[in-house]
C-alpha atoms as a PDB file:
ATOM      1  CA  MET A   1     -46.859  48.329  70.632  1.00  0.00           C
ATOM      2  CA  LEU A   2     -44.321  48.927  67.852  1.00  0.00           C
ATOM      3  CA  LEU A   3     -41.763  51.535  67.674  1.00  0.00           C
ATOM      4  CA  CYS A   4     -40.567  52.334  64.072  1.00  0.00           C
ATOM      5  CA  LEU A   5     -37.157  54.031  63.559  1.00  0.00           C
ATOM      6  CA  SER A   6     -36.536  55.254  60.015  1.00  0.00           C
ATOM      7  CA  ASP A   7     -34.183  57.174  57.960  1.00  0.00           C
ATOM      8  CA  GLY A   8     -37.027  58.232  55.596  1.00  0.00           C
ATOM      9  CA  GLU A   9     -39.949  60.769  56.098  1.00  0.00           C
ATOM     10  CA  ASP A  10     -42.589  58.432  54.724  1.00  0.00           C
ATOM     11  CA  VAL A  11     -43.311  55.581  56.925  1.00  0.00           C
ATOM     12  CA  SER A  12     -47.014  55.573  56.028  1.00  0.00           C
ATOM     13  CA  PRO A  13     -47.090  51.848  54.820  1.00  0.00           C
ATOM     14  CA  VAL A  14     -46.037  50.695  58.486  1.00  0.00           C
ATOM     15  CA  LEU A  15     -48.279  53.094  60.318  1.00  0.00           C
ATOM     16  CA  GLU A  16     -51.261  52.274  58.061  1.00  0.00           C
ATOM     17  CA  TYR A  17     -50.772  48.600  58.571  1.00  0.00           C
ATOM     18  CA  CYS A  18     -50.644  49.118  62.409  1.00  0.00           C
ATOM     19  CA  ASP A  19     -53.680  51.387  62.268  1.00  0.00           C
ATOM     20  CA  ARG A  20     -55.779  48.727  60.528  1.00  0.00           C
ATOM     21  CA  ARG A  21     -54.520  45.997  62.997  1.00  0.00           C
ATOM     22  CA  GLY A  22     -55.269  48.211  65.934  1.00  0.00           C
ATOM     23  CA  LEU A  23     -51.529  48.044  66.929  1.00  0.00           C
ATOM     24  CA  TYR A  24     -50.206  51.261  68.683  1.00  0.00           C
ATOM     25  CA  ALA A  25     -47.232  52.525  66.796  1.00  0.00           C
ATOM     26  CA  GLU A  26     -44.759  55.384  67.151  1.00  0.00           C
ATOM     27  CA  TYR A  27     -42.137  56.704  64.754  1.00  0.00           C
ATOM     28  CA  ILE A  28     -38.602  58.308  65.349  1.00  0.00           C
ATOM     29  CA  SER A  29     -36.787  59.831  62.489  1.00  0.00           C
ATOM     30  CA  ILE A  30     -33.090  58.559  62.645  1.00  0.00           C
ATOM     31  CA  GLY A  31     -32.027  61.830  60.943  1.00  0.00           C
ATOM     32  CA  ASP A  32     -32.821  63.853  64.035  1.00  0.00           C
ATOM     33  CA  TYR A  33     -30.050  62.065  66.161  1.00  0.00           C
ATOM     34  CA  PRO A  34     -26.362  61.550  65.737  1.00  0.00           C
ATOM     35  CA  ASN A  35     -26.794  57.925  65.561  1.00  0.00           C
ATOM     36  CA  ILE A  36     -29.498  55.237  66.149  1.00  0.00           C
ATOM     37  CA  LYS A  37     -28.126  54.311  69.672  1.00  0.00           C
ATOM     38  CA  THR A  38     -28.645  57.917  70.732  1.00  0.00           C
ATOM     39  CA  ALA A  39     -32.139  57.954  69.693  1.00  0.00           C
ATOM     40  CA  LEU A  40     -32.940  54.640  71.428  1.00  0.00           C
ATOM     41  CA  SER A  41     -31.332  55.999  74.655  1.00  0.00           C
ATOM     42  CA  LYS A  42     -32.909  59.339  74.534  1.00  0.00           C
ATOM     43  CA  TYR A  43     -36.453  57.748  73.855  1.00  0.00           C
ATOM     44  CA  ARG A  44     -37.329  56.867  77.380  1.00  0.00           C
ATOM     45  CA  ALA A  45     -40.432  54.859  76.366  1.00  0.00           C
ATOM     46  CA  THR A  46     -38.244  52.271  74.337  1.00  0.00           C
ATOM     47  CA  ALA A  47     -38.693  49.649  77.122  1.00  0.00           C
ATOM     48  CA  ASN A  48     -42.551  49.476  76.719  1.00  0.00           C
ATOM     49  CA  TYR A  49     -42.607  48.228  73.180  1.00  0.00           C
ATOM     50  CA  ASP A  50     -43.087  44.704  72.137  1.00  0.00           C
ATOM     51  CA  PHE A  51     -41.477  45.401  68.646  1.00  0.00           C
ATOM     52  CA  ILE A  52     -38.723  47.585  67.438  1.00  0.00           C
ATOM     53  CA  LEU A  53     -38.790  48.177  63.559  1.00  0.00           C
ATOM     54  CA  PHE A  54     -35.833  49.541  61.713  1.00  0.00           C
ATOM     55  CA  TYR A  55     -37.257  50.729  58.429  1.00  0.00           C
ATOM     56  CA  PHE A  56     -34.569  51.944  55.986  1.00  0.00           C
ATOM     57  CA  THR A  57     -35.481  53.527  52.659  1.00  0.00           C
ATOM     58  CA  ALA A  58     -32.010  54.596  51.456  1.00  0.00           C
ATOM     59  CA  ARG A  59     -29.380  52.080  50.147  1.00  0.00           C
ATOM     60  CA  THR A  60     -26.873  53.862  52.308  1.00  0.00           C
ATOM     61  CA  ILE A  61     -27.224  52.108  55.757  1.00  0.00           C
ATOM     62  CA  PRO A  62     -25.266  52.745  58.877  1.00  0.00           C
ATOM     63  CA  GLU A  63     -24.234  49.248  59.405  1.00  0.00           C
ATOM     64  CA  GLU A  64     -21.985  49.552  62.324  1.00  0.00           C
ATOM     65  CA  ASP A  65     -24.528  51.797  63.976  1.00  0.00           C
ATOM     66  CA  LEU A  66     -27.303  49.301  63.394  1.00  0.00           C
ATOM     67  CA  ILE A  67     -25.369  46.324  64.634  1.00  0.00           C
ATOM     68  CA  GLU A  68     -24.331  48.159  67.784  1.00  0.00           C
ATOM     69  CA  SER A  69     -27.977  49.295  68.452  1.00  0.00           C
ATOM     70  CA  ALA A  70     -29.311  45.857  67.827  1.00  0.00           C
ATOM     71  CA  SER A  71     -26.844  44.438  70.506  1.00  0.00           C
ATOM     72  CA  PHE A  72     -28.018  47.310  72.785  1.00  0.00           C
ATOM     73  CA  ILE A  73     -31.549  46.289  72.405  1.00  0.00           C
ATOM     74  CA  LEU A  74     -30.739  42.531  72.680  1.00  0.00           C
ATOM     75  CA  LYS A  75     -28.815  43.269  76.083  1.00  0.00           C
ATOM     76  CA  PHE A  76     -31.241  45.667  77.759  1.00  0.00           C
ATOM     77  CA  TYR A  77     -34.894  44.989  76.208  1.00  0.00           C
ATOM     78  CA  HIS A  78     -37.064  42.300  75.412  1.00  0.00           C
ATOM     79  CA  ALA A  79     -38.609  43.719  72.208  1.00  0.00           C
ATOM     80  CA  ARG A  80     -38.560  41.747  68.984  1.00  0.00           C
ATOM     81  CA  ILE A  81     -36.076  43.439  66.448  1.00  0.00           C
ATOM     82  CA  ILE A  82     -37.348  43.690  62.853  1.00  0.00           C
ATOM     83  CA  VAL A  83     -35.252  45.215  59.972  1.00  0.00           C
ATOM     84  CA  PHE A  84     -36.488  46.488  56.598  1.00  0.00           C
ATOM     85  CA  ALA A  85     -33.958  47.508  54.060  1.00  0.00           C
ATOM     86  CA  PRO A  86     -33.807  47.817  50.199  1.00  0.00           C
ATOM     87  CA  SER A  87     -32.506  44.758  48.294  1.00  0.00           C
ATOM     88  CA  GLY A  88     -28.857  44.625  47.298  1.00  0.00           C
ATOM     89  CA  ALA A  89     -25.555  42.913  48.016  1.00  0.00           C
ATOM     90  CA  GLY A  90     -24.687  45.138  50.813  1.00  0.00           C
ATOM     91  CA  THR A  91     -27.893  44.380  52.598  1.00  0.00           C
ATOM     92  CA  SER A  92     -27.400  40.699  52.041  1.00  0.00           C
ATOM     93  CA  GLN A  93     -24.055  40.871  53.960  1.00  0.00           C
ATOM     94  CA  LEU A  94     -25.449  43.151  56.663  1.00  0.00           C
ATOM     95  CA  PHE A  95     -28.344  40.753  57.279  1.00  0.00           C
ATOM     96  CA  GLY A  96     -25.878  38.000  57.481  1.00  0.00           C
ATOM     97  CA  GLU A  97     -24.245  39.717  60.413  1.00  0.00           C
ATOM     98  CA  LEU A  98     -27.710  40.309  62.053  1.00  0.00           C
ATOM     99  CA  PHE A  99     -28.570  36.738  61.424  1.00  0.00           C
ATOM    100  CA  ASP A 100     -25.478  35.699  63.334  1.00  0.00           C
ATOM    101  CA  MET A 101     -26.669  37.789  66.104  1.00  0.00           C
ATOM    102  CA  GLY A 102     -29.857  35.853  66.440  1.00  0.00           C
ATOM    103  CA  LEU A 103     -31.990  38.136  64.388  1.00  0.00           C
ATOM    104  CA  ARG A 104     -34.557  36.407  62.183  1.00  0.00           C
ATOM    105  CA  GLU A 105     -37.219  39.119  61.191  1.00  0.00           C
ATOM    106  CA  LEU A 106     -35.071  40.420  58.254  1.00  0.00           C
ATOM    107  CA  VAL A 107     -36.743  41.660  55.144  1.00  0.00           C
ATOM    108  CA  ASP A 108     -34.980  42.967  52.048  1.00  0.00           C
ATOM    109  CA  TYR A 109     -37.545  44.535  49.769  1.00  0.00           C
ATOM    110  CA  ASN A 110     -38.004  46.158  46.454  1.00  0.00           C
ATOM    111  CA  ASP A 111     -40.893  47.849  44.486  1.00  0.00           C
ATOM    112  CA  THR A 112     -42.638  44.610  44.000  1.00  0.00           C
ATOM    113  CA  THR A 113     -42.559  43.572  47.729  1.00  0.00           C
ATOM    114  CA  ASP A 114     -45.833  43.371  49.847  1.00  0.00           C
ATOM    115  CA  LEU A 115     -44.664  45.292  52.951  1.00  0.00           C
ATOM    116  CA  GLY A 116     -47.951  44.631  54.681  1.00  0.00           C
ATOM    117  CA  ALA A 117     -47.591  40.882  54.392  1.00  0.00           C
ATOM    118  CA  GLU A 118     -43.896  40.860  55.385  1.00  0.00           C
ATOM    119  CA  LEU A 119     -44.694  42.892  58.348  1.00  0.00           C
ATOM    120  CA  GLU A 120     -47.743  40.738  59.324  1.00  0.00           C
ATOM    121  CA  GLN A 121     -45.331  37.693  59.262  1.00  0.00           C
ATOM    122  CA  CYS A 122     -42.668  39.392  61.430  1.00  0.00           C
ATOM    123  CA  LEU A 123     -45.281  40.382  63.933  1.00  0.00           C
ATOM    124  CA  SER A 124     -46.997  36.962  64.222  1.00  0.00           C
ATOM    125  CA  MET A 125     -46.336  34.601  67.056  1.00  0.00           C
ATOM    126  CA  ASP A 126     -43.788  32.529  65.421  1.00  0.00           C
ATOM    127  CA  GLY A 127     -42.266  35.416  63.128  1.00  0.00           C
ATOM    128  CA  LYS A 128     -40.327  34.177  59.956  1.00  0.00           C
ATOM    129  CA  GLY A 129     -39.802  30.575  59.574  1.00  0.00           C
ATOM    130  CA  TYR A 130     -36.474  28.942  60.296  1.00  0.00           C
ATOM    131  CA  ALA A 131     -35.848  27.967  56.630  1.00  0.00           C
ATOM    132  CA  GLU A 132     -36.144  31.642  55.554  1.00  0.00           C
ATOM    133  CA  ALA A 133     -33.942  32.734  58.174  1.00  0.00           C
ATOM    134  CA  VAL A 134     -31.253  30.284  57.159  1.00  0.00           C
ATOM    135  CA  GLN A 135     -31.499  31.492  53.613  1.00  0.00           C
ATOM    136  CA  VAL A 136     -30.535  34.957  54.677  1.00  0.00           C
ATOM    137  CA  GLY A 137     -27.333  33.612  56.122  1.00  0.00           C
ATOM    138  CA  ILE A 138     -26.636  31.581  53.043  1.00  0.00           C
ATOM    139  CA  THR A 139     -27.311  34.633  50.760  1.00  0.00           C
ATOM    140  CA  ALA A 140     -24.929  36.655  53.036  1.00  0.00           C
ATOM    141  CA  GLN A 141     -22.131  33.984  52.749  1.00  0.00           C
ATOM    142  CA  ILE A 142     -22.465  34.123  48.735  1.00  0.00           C
ATOM    143  CA  GLU A 143     -22.291  37.814  48.623  1.00  0.00           C
ATOM    144  CA  THR A 144     -19.328  38.220  51.088  1.00  0.00           C
ATOM    145  CA  ALA A 145     -17.555  35.918  48.949  1.00  0.00           C
ATOM    146  CA  ARG A 146     -18.415  37.763  45.655  1.00  0.00           C
ATOM    147  CA  ALA A 147     -17.174  41.041  47.184  1.00  0.00           C
ATOM    148  CA  TYR A 148     -13.903  39.237  48.200  1.00  0.00           C
ATOM    149  CA  ILE A 149     -12.936  38.036  44.758  1.00  0.00           C
ATOM    150  CA  ARG A 150     -14.446  40.798  42.622  1.00  0.00           C
ATOM    151  CA  PRO A 151     -11.740  43.085  41.017  1.00  0.00           C
ATOM    152  CA  ILE A 152     -12.860  46.662  41.266  1.00  0.00           C
ATOM    153  CA  LEU A 153      -9.983  48.858  40.061  1.00  0.00           C
ATOM    154  CA  ASP A 154      -7.026  48.097  37.894  1.00  0.00           C
ATOM    155  CA  ILE A 155      -3.938  49.902  39.768  1.00  0.00           C
ATOM    156  CA  PRO A 156      -1.156  50.856  37.459  1.00  0.00           C
ATOM    157  CA  GLU A 157       2.442  50.405  38.690  1.00  0.00           C
ATOM    158  CA  GLY A 158       4.213  53.669  39.648  1.00  0.00           C
ATOM    159  CA  LEU A 159       0.739  55.424  40.592  1.00  0.00           C
ATOM    160  CA  ARG A 160       1.005  58.486  42.776  1.00  0.00           C
ATOM    161  CA  LEU A 161      -2.440  59.826  43.427  1.00  0.00           C
ATOM    162  CA  THR A 162      -3.115  62.860  45.930  1.00  0.00           C
ATOM    163  CA  ILE A 163      -6.395  63.736  47.614  1.00  0.00           C
ATOM    164  CA  ALA A 164      -6.842  67.030  49.486  1.00  0.00           C
ATOM    165  CA  ILE A 165      -9.099  66.988  52.470  1.00  0.00           C
ATOM    166  CA  ALA A 166      -9.786  70.545  53.866  1.00  0.00           C
ATOM    167  CA  GLY A 167     -12.458  72.104  55.881  1.00  0.00           C
ATOM    168  CA  ALA A 168     -14.789  75.197  55.686  1.00  0.00           C
ATOM    169  CA  GLN A 169     -14.424  75.509  59.336  1.00  0.00           C
ATOM    170  CA  HIS A 170     -12.618  74.049  62.366  1.00  0.00           C
ATOM    171  CA  ARG A 171     -13.967  70.738  63.815  1.00  0.00           C
ATOM    172  CA  ILE A 172     -16.112  69.808  60.772  1.00  0.00           C
ATOM    173  CA  GLY A 173     -14.652  66.189  60.377  1.00  0.00           C
ATOM    174  CA  VAL A 174     -11.639  66.746  58.053  1.00  0.00           C
ATOM    175  CA  THR A 175      -9.492  64.219  59.933  1.00  0.00           C
ATOM    176  CA  THR A 176     -12.299  61.909  60.472  1.00  0.00           C
ATOM    177  CA  GLN A 177     -12.982  61.790  56.621  1.00  0.00           C
ATOM    178  CA  ALA A 178      -9.201  61.271  56.014  1.00  0.00           C
ATOM    179  CA  PHE A 179      -9.304  58.139  58.110  1.00  0.00           C
ATOM    180  CA  SER A 180     -12.556  56.898  56.434  1.00  0.00           C
ATOM    181  CA  MET A 181     -11.152  57.381  53.062  1.00  0.00           C
ATOM    182  CA  TYR A 182      -7.961  55.856  53.981  1.00  0.00           C
ATOM    183  CA  HIS A 183      -9.880  52.548  55.016  1.00  0.00           C
ATOM    184  CA  ALA A 184     -11.893  52.477  51.831  1.00  0.00           C
ATOM    185  CA  ILE A 185      -8.984  53.170  49.620  1.00  0.00           C
ATOM    186  CA  ALA A 186      -6.824  50.457  51.292  1.00  0.00           C
ATOM    187  CA  ALA A 187      -9.825  48.050  50.895  1.00  0.00           C
ATOM    188  CA  LEU A 188      -9.796  48.839  47.066  1.00  0.00           C
ATOM    189  CA  GLY A 189      -6.293  47.534  47.032  1.00  0.00           C
ATOM    190  CA  PHE A 190      -4.291  50.818  47.055  1.00  0.00           C
ATOM    191  CA  THR A 191      -1.465  51.615  49.582  1.00  0.00           C
ATOM    192  CA  PRO A 192      -2.529  54.924  51.380  1.00  0.00           C
ATOM    193  CA  CYS A 193      -0.759  57.279  53.828  1.00  0.00           C
ATOM    194  CA  ILE A 194      -2.458  60.172  55.506  1.00  0.00           C
ATOM    195  CA  VAL A 195      -0.013  63.130  55.428  1.00  0.00           C
ATOM    196  CA  ASP A 196      -0.804  65.614  58.370  1.00  0.00           C
ATOM    197  CA  VAL A 197       0.080  68.883  56.735  1.00  0.00           C
ATOM    198  CA  GLU A 198      -0.890  71.081  59.540  1.00  0.00           C
ATOM    199  CA  GLN A 199       0.965  68.798  62.070  1.00  0.00           C
ATOM    200  CA  SER A 200      -2.021  68.706  64.265  1.00  0.00           C
ATOM    201  CA  PHE A 201      -2.654  65.183  65.366  1.00  0.00           C
ATOM    202  CA  ILE A 202       0.119  62.566  64.695  1.00  0.00           C
ATOM    203  CA  GLU A 203       2.008  63.427  67.860  1.00  0.00           C
ATOM    204  CA  SER A 204      -1.248  63.004  69.799  1.00  0.00           C
ATOM    205  CA  LEU A 205      -1.940  59.729  68.331  1.00  0.00           C
ATOM    206  CA  MET A 206       1.672  58.563  69.059  1.00  0.00           C
ATOM    207  CA  MET A 207       1.315  59.429  72.763  1.00  0.00           C
ATOM    208  CA  VAL A 208      -2.105  57.669  73.160  1.00  0.00           C
ATOM    209  CA  TYR A 209      -1.005  54.709  71.250  1.00  0.00           C
ATOM    210  CA  GLU A 210       2.689  54.648  72.264  1.00  0.00           C
ATOM    211  CA  ASP A 211       2.694  50.825  72.348  1.00  0.00           C
ATOM    212  CA  GLU A 212       1.273  50.548  68.816  1.00  0.00           C
ATOM    213  CA  THR A 213       3.407  53.113  67.263  1.00  0.00           C
ATOM    214  CA  GLU A 214       6.430  52.417  65.040  1.00  0.00           C
ATOM    215  CA  ALA A 215       8.573  55.067  63.216  1.00  0.00           C
ATOM    216  CA  GLU A 216      10.197  54.225  59.928  1.00  0.00           C
ATOM    217  CA  GLY A 217      11.926  57.204  58.511  1.00  0.00           C
ATOM    218  CA  SER A 218       9.319  59.837  57.475  1.00  0.00           C
ATOM    219  CA  ILE A 219       6.495  57.320  58.006  1.00  0.00           C
ATOM    220  CA  VAL A 220       4.924  56.493  61.209  1.00  0.00           C
ATOM    221  CA  HIS A 221       2.706  53.331  61.617  1.00  0.00           C
ATOM    222  CA  ILE A 222      -0.185  53.536  64.231  1.00  0.00           C
ATOM    223  CA  GLN A 223      -2.673  50.693  64.687  1.00  0.00           C
ATOM    224  CA  GLY A 224      -1.950  49.322  61.201  1.00  0.00           C
ATOM    225  CA  MET A 225      -2.266  52.741  59.556  1.00  0.00           C
ATOM    226  CA  ASP A 226       0.579  54.972  57.980  1.00  0.00           C
ATOM    227  CA  PHE A 227       0.969  58.621  58.487  1.00  0.00           C
ATOM    228  CA  SER A 228       3.462  61.188  57.660  1.00  0.00           C
ATOM    229  CA  HIS A 229       4.290  65.023  58.161  1.00  0.00           C
ATOM    230  CA  ASP A 230       6.237  65.117  54.789  1.00  0.00           C
ATOM    231  CA  ILE A 231       4.166  66.209  51.744  1.00  0.00           C
ATOM    232  CA  GLN A 232       6.939  64.679  49.434  1.00  0.00           C
ATOM    233  CA  VAL A 233       6.882  61.467  51.151  1.00  0.00           C
ATOM    234  CA  GLY A 234       8.355  58.837  48.617  1.00  0.00           C
ATOM    235  CA  THR A 235       7.894  55.373  50.153  1.00  0.00           C
ATOM    236  CA  GLY A 236       5.932  52.688  48.736  1.00  0.00           C
ATOM    237  CA  HIS A 237       2.655  54.258  49.024  1.00  0.00           C
ATOM    238  CA  ASN A 238       0.437  55.185  45.895  1.00  0.00           C
ATOM    239  CA  VAL A 239      -2.354  57.307  47.399  1.00  0.00           C
ATOM    240  CA  PHE A 240      -1.812  60.287  49.738  1.00  0.00           C
ATOM    241  CA  LEU A 241      -4.586  61.935  51.782  1.00  0.00           C
ATOM    242  CA  TYR A 242      -3.535  65.332  52.546  1.00  0.00           C
ATOM    243  CA  ASP A 243      -5.358  66.483  55.912  1.00  0.00           C
ATOM    244  CA  LEU A 244      -5.103  70.368  55.526  1.00  0.00           C
ATOM    245  CA  GLY A 245      -7.309  71.453  58.384  1.00  0.00           C
ATOM    246  CA  VAL A 246      -9.201  74.515  57.628  1.00  0.00           C
ATOM    247  CA  LEU A 247      -8.735  75.625  53.766  1.00  0.00           C
ATOM    248  CA  HIS A 248      -6.723  78.777  53.863  1.00  0.00           C
ATOM    249  CA  GLU A 249      -4.275  80.641  51.305  1.00  0.00           C
ATOM    250  CA  ALA A 250      -1.173  79.160  52.874  1.00  0.00           C
ATOM    251  CA  ALA A 251      -2.523  75.637  51.999  1.00  0.00           C
ATOM    252  CA  ALA A 252      -4.272  76.541  48.910  1.00  0.00           C
ATOM    253  CA  GLU A 253      -1.309  75.512  46.690  1.00  0.00           C
ATOM    254  CA  ILE A 254      -1.082  71.991  47.916  1.00  0.00           C
ATOM    255  CA  PHE A 255      -5.048  71.730  47.683  1.00  0.00           C
ATOM    256  CA  ARG A 256      -5.006  73.034  43.996  1.00  0.00           C
ATOM    257  CA  GLY A 257      -2.231  70.518  43.200  1.00  0.00           C
ATOM    258  CA  CYS A 258      -4.058  67.309  44.386  1.00  0.00           C
ATOM    259  CA  SER A 259      -5.859  64.930  41.815  1.00  0.00           C
ATOM    260  CA  LEU A 260      -8.980  64.920  43.902  1.00  0.00           C
ATOM    261  CA  ARG A 261      -9.880  67.929  46.145  1.00  0.00           C
ATOM    262  CA  VAL A 262     -12.637  67.563  48.968  1.00  0.00           C
ATOM    263  CA  LEU A 263     -14.161  70.218  51.143  1.00  0.00           C
ATOM    264  CA  CYS A 264     -15.770  69.122  54.455  1.00  0.00           C
ATOM    265  CA  ALA A 265     -18.627  71.489  55.442  1.00  0.00           C
ATOM    266  CA  GLY A 266     -21.328  71.719  57.881  1.00  0.00           C
ATOM    267  CA  THR A 267     -25.071  72.081  57.119  1.00  0.00           C
ATOM    268  CA  LYS A 268     -26.227  74.349  60.329  1.00  0.00           C
ATOM    269  CA  ALA A 269     -27.608  77.822  59.656  1.00  0.00           C
ATOM    270  CA  TRP A 270     -24.570  79.195  61.293  1.00  0.00           C
ATOM    271  CA  GLU A 271     -22.165  77.108  59.090  1.00  0.00           C
ATOM    272  CA  LEU A 272     -23.312  77.819  55.907  1.00  0.00           C
ATOM    273  CA  PRO A 273     -21.878  81.469  55.719  1.00  0.00           C
ATOM    274  CA  LEU A 274     -18.451  79.719  56.220  1.00  0.00           C
ATOM    275  CA  LEU A 275     -19.092  77.418  53.404  1.00  0.00           C
ATOM    276  CA  ALA A 276     -20.223  80.281  51.172  1.00  0.00           C
ATOM    277  CA  GLU A 277     -16.954  82.135  51.946  1.00  0.00           C
ATOM    278  CA  LYS A 278     -14.748  79.199  50.831  1.00  0.00           C
ATOM    279  CA  LEU A 279     -16.805  78.743  47.846  1.00  0.00           C
ATOM    280  CA  GLY A 280     -16.313  82.320  46.882  1.00  0.00           C
ATOM    281  CA  THR A 281     -12.574  82.071  47.226  1.00  0.00           C
ATOM    282  CA  TYR A 282     -11.871  78.633  46.071  1.00  0.00           C
ATOM    283  CA  ARG A 283     -14.855  77.882  43.811  1.00  0.00           C
ATOM    284  CA  ASP A 284     -12.754  76.713  40.963  1.00  0.00           C
ATOM    285  CA  ASP A 285     -10.503  74.517  43.000  1.00  0.00           C
ATOM    286  CA  ILE A 286     -13.129  72.349  45.041  1.00  0.00           C
ATOM    287  CA  GLN A 287     -14.425  69.219  43.293  1.00  0.00           C
ATOM    288  CA  MET A 288     -16.308  67.537  46.068  1.00  0.00           C
ATOM    289  CA  ILE A 289     -18.136  68.665  49.072  1.00  0.00           C
ATOM    290  CA  VAL A 290     -18.639  66.238  52.029  1.00  0.00           C
ATOM    291  CA  PHE A 291     -21.248  67.532  54.410  1.00  0.00           C
ATOM    292  CA  SER A 292     -20.944  66.289  58.067  1.00  0.00           C
ATOM    293  CA  PHE A 293     -23.474  65.716  60.881  1.00  0.00           C
ATOM    294  CA  ALA A 294     -26.406  66.444  58.452  1.00  0.00           C
ATOM    295  CA  SER A 295     -30.057  65.651  59.061  1.00  0.00           C
ATOM    296  CA  LYS A 296     -32.468  64.564  56.359  1.00  0.00           C
ATOM    297  CA  SER A 297     -34.108  67.990  56.353  1.00  0.00           C
ATOM    298  CA  GLU A 298     -30.741  69.777  56.160  1.00  0.00           C
ATOM    299  CA  GLU A 299     -29.842  67.552  53.167  1.00  0.00           C
ATOM    300  CA  LYS A 300     -33.113  68.541  51.355  1.00  0.00           C
ATOM    301  CA  ARG A 301     -32.320  72.278  52.136  1.00  0.00           C
ATOM    302  CA  ILE A 302     -28.782  71.942  50.696  1.00  0.00           C
ATOM    303  CA  GLU A 303     -30.005  70.225  47.571  1.00  0.00           C
ATOM    304  CA  ALA A 304     -32.634  73.034  47.214  1.00  0.00           C
ATOM    305  CA  MET A 305     -29.769  75.679  47.440  1.00  0.00           C
ATOM    306  CA  GLU A 306     -28.096  74.571  44.045  1.00  0.00           C
ATOM    307  CA  ILE A 307     -24.624  75.435  45.286  1.00  0.00           C
ATOM    308  CA  GLY A 308     -22.868  74.444  42.123  1.00  0.00           C
ATOM    309  CA  SER A 309     -21.925  71.509  40.057  1.00  0.00           C
ATOM    310  CA  TYR A 310     -19.854  69.798  42.647  1.00  0.00           C
ATOM    311  CA  THR A 311     -20.031  66.231  43.846  1.00  0.00           C
ATOM    312  CA  THR A 312     -21.832  66.403  47.021  1.00  0.00           C
ATOM    313  CA  ALA A 313     -22.155  63.698  49.638  1.00  0.00           C
ATOM    314  CA  TYR A 314     -23.561  63.348  53.252  1.00  0.00           C
ATOM    315  CA  ALA A 315     -21.086  61.419  55.401  1.00  0.00           C
ATOM    316  CA  PRO A 316     -22.545  58.608  57.533  1.00  0.00           C
ATOM    317  CA  TRP A 317     -21.596  58.535  61.133  1.00  0.00           C
ATOM    318  CA  ASN A 318     -18.612  56.537  61.982  1.00  0.00           C
ATOM    319  CA  PRO A 319     -17.651  56.700  65.466  1.00  0.00           C
ATOM    320  CA  ASP A 320     -14.464  54.474  65.444  1.00  0.00           C
ATOM    321  CA  ILE A 321     -11.726  55.999  63.252  1.00  0.00           C
ATOM    322  CA  TRP A 322      -9.702  52.821  63.286  1.00  0.00           C
ATOM    323  CA  GLU A 323     -12.552  50.614  61.798  1.00  0.00           C
ATOM    324  CA  HIS A 324     -13.708  50.570  58.259  1.00  0.00           C
ATOM    325  CA  GLY A 325     -17.345  51.439  58.861  1.00  0.00           C
ATOM    326  CA  ASN A 326     -19.820  52.297  56.065  1.00  0.00           C
ATOM    327  CA  LYS A 327     -17.743  50.409  53.368  1.00  0.00           C
ATOM    328  CA  GLU A 328     -20.518  50.483  50.748  1.00  0.00           C
ATOM    329  CA  TRP A 329     -21.076  54.222  51.175  1.00  0.00           C
ATOM    330  CA  TYR A 330     -17.456  55.213  50.570  1.00  0.00           C
ATOM    331  CA  GLU A 331     -16.975  52.555  47.822  1.00  0.00           C
ATOM    332  CA  ARG A 332     -19.866  54.136  45.880  1.00  0.00           C
ATOM    333  CA  LEU A 333     -18.537  57.489  46.525  1.00  0.00           C
ATOM    334  CA  LEU A 334     -14.784  56.896  45.526  1.00  0.00           C
ATOM    335  CA  VAL A 335     -14.732  54.241  42.837  1.00  0.00           C
ATOM    336  CA  PRO A 336     -16.170  56.318  40.069  1.00  0.00           C
ATOM    337  CA  LEU A 337     -13.721  59.246  41.024  1.00  0.00           C
ATOM    338  CA  LEU A 338     -10.774  56.965  41.198  1.00  0.00           C
ATOM    339  CA  LYS A 339     -11.675  55.158  37.841  1.00  0.00           C
ATOM    340  CA  GLU A 340     -11.751  58.678  36.256  1.00  0.00           C
ATOM    341  CA  ARG A 341      -8.421  59.479  37.535  1.00  0.00           C
ATOM    342  CA  LEU A 342      -7.024  56.060  36.631  1.00  0.00           C
ATOM    343  CA  SER A 343      -8.003  56.381  33.033  1.00  0.00           C
ATOM    344  CA  PRO A 344      -5.314  56.556  30.608  1.00  0.00           C
END
């Protein structure tokens, strides 16, 4: 018995192969759940399967979620884990981490890959050979080294870049996106600071992480990250992420004055009118819309709406605000925009 979890709607190559082999198979759409682990936990028949296949069709893979879910399966079930993912440097690094966990049935595929043959080998008694598995680990080490030494952006001295992050409504992930972008920008070599314009969360963080908090002038250091209430903060930082909460007229001046202006929005039917209201008021000010908690079907509905010429993105799930999850996704999102703003 095989359970297939996929981020795509077309899993016919897998189901057709299983049908030909007389292997019972079921399919779960990852997009219908907040994360992979939730999908596994709510699917009560998981323990009955001999094989659990993660079949990714998009290049954006929820790496932390997948690793946590694989650990969950290894701990509680006896199923053999198989992972199919599109070829790429990010996939190679991810497979390296999975290889270190003891996984061997790892397939990075492209348009010329015979998915049926690969699946047949993964389902065989011996699975993939040891030599093939070791090669996965070696490739991962090479790609990790390349990523470490590869210069991505040339950061000029005296740079001051401002990024405004606001929401179309309350509790739509504004602060979570500020944290995620902070990690991504820091990884690119910048020195970022989150500015809590609405003064809504720094005090709470200081209370919870009292032993890991250090104040230095207008800057508060918590868990290795820098925060401030002062929108004119002039310390040794070069990127300032303004957390504006819900976009409203009192914050609009700050929003308009930033180098990059991001609106966080929801995709549910009751959330779209709130997005429409903000677009009607601030249409010419918004440059990017990041949608939170979107399923695949909701993404398609948004794309069909043709809401404008904004850069749009669907944020991956990142449950730990202190960890730099989904590194490649944020790098692909931010690097072109940052390059554009660093151009002379």
